[in-house]
Amino acid sequence: MPPIQTVATPHAAEALGDTRAVLLNHVSWGAIFAGAATALVTQVIVNLVGVGVGLASVGTTAADNPSASTVSLGAGLWFVASGLVASLAGGLIAGRLSGKPLPGAAALHGLVSWAVTTLVVLYLLTSAASGLVGGTLSTVSGVLGGAS
């Protein structure tokens, strides 16, 4: 009776349809960062288009301008829609560049790309907010220090 072979090959998990071992060992970080960069650039470009449309909708005469609530509602909806489009573009790029034939692997690359993009956006927002608060507090302390 021949001995049972217990050596695992790298492609055995793919042949068996087990994606867990494949996904843990073959993460394409280049594809994830490319997807995140694509999502960020798409977000900026689509938001700039939205700013252009918003500025074009406001005229110089007050008679035909939309109300402030209409403009802010439109801007909010545009921001959410552009975020969804940018996430879709980044996830698609990450999934395609991952080079993995398994649909689950491409989807997970897109998900991780979205997570990286979200972390970058949150970092940028908190940095901007802290700079704004720090500048405001230094101005207030300068005014109060000059008054005494």
Protein backbone atom coordinates (compact mmCIF):
# COMPACT_ATOMS: atom_id res chain seq x y z
CA MET A 1 0.00 0.00 0.00
CA PRO A 2 1.54 3.37 -1.01
CA PRO A 3 1.98 6.01 1.71
CA ILE A 4 -0.54 8.85 1.88
CA GLN A 5 0.89 12.11 0.67
CA THR A 6 0.45 14.90 3.22
CA VAL A 7 2.39 17.69 1.54
CA ALA A 8 0.11 20.61 0.63
CA THR A 9 0.65 22.43 -2.62
CA PRO A 10 -0.06 26.16 -3.03
CA HIS A 11 -2.70 25.50 -5.66
CA ALA A 12 -4.49 22.74 -3.75
CA ALA A 13 -6.80 25.24 -2.04
CA GLU A 14 -7.83 26.68 -5.40
CA ALA A 15 -8.49 23.24 -6.81
CA LEU A 16 -10.70 22.41 -3.87
CA GLY A 17 -12.57 25.70 -4.05
CA ASP A 18 -11.38 26.83 -0.62
CA THR A 19 -10.77 30.56 -0.99
CA ARG A 20 -9.69 31.18 2.61
CA ALA A 21 -6.11 29.97 2.17
CA VAL A 22 -5.78 31.75 -1.16
CA LEU A 23 -7.07 35.05 0.20
CA LEU A 24 -4.86 35.02 3.27
CA ASN A 25 -1.70 34.36 1.33
CA HIS A 26 -2.21 36.43 -1.80
CA VAL A 27 -3.23 39.98 -0.99
CA SER A 28 -2.24 42.44 -3.69
CA TRP A 29 -1.51 45.64 -1.80
CA GLY A 30 -0.56 47.40 -5.02
CA ALA A 31 -4.06 46.80 -6.35
CA ILE A 32 -5.59 48.00 -3.09
CA PHE A 33 -3.58 51.24 -3.07
CA ALA A 34 -4.31 51.79 -6.77
CA GLY A 35 -8.02 51.40 -6.03
CA ALA A 36 -7.80 53.81 -3.10
CA ALA A 37 -5.95 56.39 -5.21
CA THR A 38 -8.51 55.98 -8.00
CA ALA A 39 -11.36 56.49 -5.55
CA LEU A 40 -9.79 59.63 -4.06
CA VAL A 41 -9.05 61.19 -7.45
CA THR A 42 -12.52 60.31 -8.75
CA GLN A 43 -14.07 61.88 -5.65
CA VAL A 44 -12.12 65.10 -6.18
CA ILE A 45 -12.94 65.33 -9.89
CA VAL A 46 -16.65 64.60 -9.48
CA ASN A 47 -16.87 67.07 -6.58
CA LEU A 48 -15.20 69.75 -8.72
CA VAL A 49 -17.81 69.10 -11.40
CA GLY A 50 -20.46 69.53 -8.69
CA VAL A 51 -18.94 72.82 -7.58
CA GLY A 52 -19.00 74.01 -11.18
CA VAL A 53 -22.64 73.02 -11.61
CA GLY A 54 -23.52 74.68 -8.30
CA LEU A 55 -21.77 77.91 -9.20
CA ALA A 56 -23.39 77.93 -12.63
CA SER A 57 -26.83 77.54 -11.08
CA VAL A 58 -26.42 80.70 -8.99
CA GLY A 59 -26.84 83.85 -11.04
CA THR A 60 -25.83 87.43 -10.37
CA THR A 61 -29.41 88.61 -9.99
CA ALA A 62 -31.34 87.63 -6.91
CA ALA A 63 -34.59 87.05 -8.80
CA ASP A 64 -33.86 83.64 -10.27
CA ASN A 65 -31.48 82.15 -7.69
CA PRO A 66 -32.47 78.94 -5.89
CA SER A 67 -32.98 79.12 -2.15
CA ALA A 68 -30.16 78.26 0.24
CA SER A 69 -31.92 75.09 1.40
CA THR A 70 -32.24 73.89 -2.20
CA VAL A 71 -28.56 74.51 -2.91
CA SER A 72 -27.43 72.80 0.31
CA LEU A 73 -29.70 69.81 -0.32
CA GLY A 74 -28.38 69.48 -3.86
CA ALA A 75 -24.79 69.77 -2.64
CA GLY A 76 -25.33 67.09 -0.01
CA LEU A 77 -26.95 64.70 -2.47
CA TRP A 78 -24.16 65.35 -4.99
CA PHE A 79 -21.50 64.66 -2.33
CA VAL A 80 -23.11 61.34 -1.36
CA ALA A 81 -23.59 60.30 -5.00
CA SER A 82 -20.02 61.24 -5.90
CA GLY A 83 -18.74 59.23 -2.93
CA LEU A 84 -20.66 56.18 -4.12
CA VAL A 85 -19.38 56.58 -7.69
CA ALA A 86 -15.81 57.03 -6.44
CA SER A 87 -16.05 53.97 -4.19
CA LEU A 88 -17.40 51.93 -7.08
CA ALA A 89 -14.56 53.06 -9.35
CA GLY A 90 -11.90 52.36 -6.71
CA GLY A 91 -13.32 48.94 -5.87
CA LEU A 92 -13.56 48.01 -9.52
CA ILE A 93 -9.95 48.99 -10.16
CA ALA A 94 -8.74 47.13 -7.07
CA GLY A 95 -10.67 44.02 -8.02
CA ARG A 96 -9.46 44.04 -11.62
CA LEU A 97 -5.82 44.71 -10.71
CA SER A 98 -5.77 42.02 -8.03
CA GLY A 99 -5.24 39.41 -10.72
CA LYS A 100 -7.28 36.86 -8.80
CA PRO A 101 -9.72 34.77 -10.84
CA LEU A 102 -11.91 34.12 -7.80
CA PRO A 103 -14.84 36.55 -7.46
CA GLY A 104 -14.50 36.57 -3.68
CA ALA A 105 -10.87 37.64 -3.88
CA ALA A 106 -11.64 40.54 -6.20
CA ALA A 107 -14.53 41.65 -3.99
CA LEU A 108 -12.37 41.57 -0.88
CA HIS A 109 -9.69 43.61 -2.63
CA GLY A 110 -12.37 46.19 -3.46
CA LEU A 111 -13.61 46.18 0.14
CA VAL A 112 -10.13 46.71 1.56
CA SER A 113 -9.55 49.47 -0.99
CA TRP A 114 -12.73 51.18 0.21
CA ALA A 115 -11.55 50.83 3.83
CA VAL A 116 -8.16 52.38 3.03
CA THR A 117 -9.89 55.23 1.19
CA THR A 118 -12.21 55.83 4.15
CA LEU A 119 -9.29 55.95 6.57
CA VAL A 120 -7.43 58.45 4.36
CA VAL A 121 -10.52 60.68 4.07
CA LEU A 122 -11.11 60.55 7.84
CA TYR A 123 -7.47 61.46 8.47
CA LEU A 124 -7.70 64.42 6.10
CA LEU A 125 -10.96 65.62 7.65
CA THR A 126 -9.66 65.40 11.22
CA SER A 127 -6.42 67.15 10.23
CA ALA A 128 -8.38 69.97 8.62
CA ALA A 129 -10.70 70.25 11.62
CA SER A 130 -7.82 70.32 14.11
CA GLY A 131 -6.04 72.98 12.04
CA LEU A 132 -9.20 75.08 11.98
CA VAL A 133 -9.77 74.74 15.73
CA GLY A 134 -6.09 75.41 16.49
CA GLY A 135 -6.07 78.52 14.31
CA THR A 136 -9.27 79.80 15.90
CA LEU A 137 -7.97 79.24 19.43
CA SER A 138 -4.65 80.94 18.68
CA THR A 139 -6.51 83.93 17.26
CA VAL A 140 -8.73 84.13 20.34
CA SER A 141 -5.74 83.87 22.67
CA GLY A 142 -3.94 86.58 20.70
CA VAL A 143 -6.95 88.89 20.95
CA LEU A 144 -7.40 88.21 24.66
CA GLY A 145 -3.66 88.56 25.31
CA GLY A 146 -3.56 91.88 23.46
CA ALA A 147 -6.51 93.25 25.41
CA SER A 148 -4.81 93.01 28.79
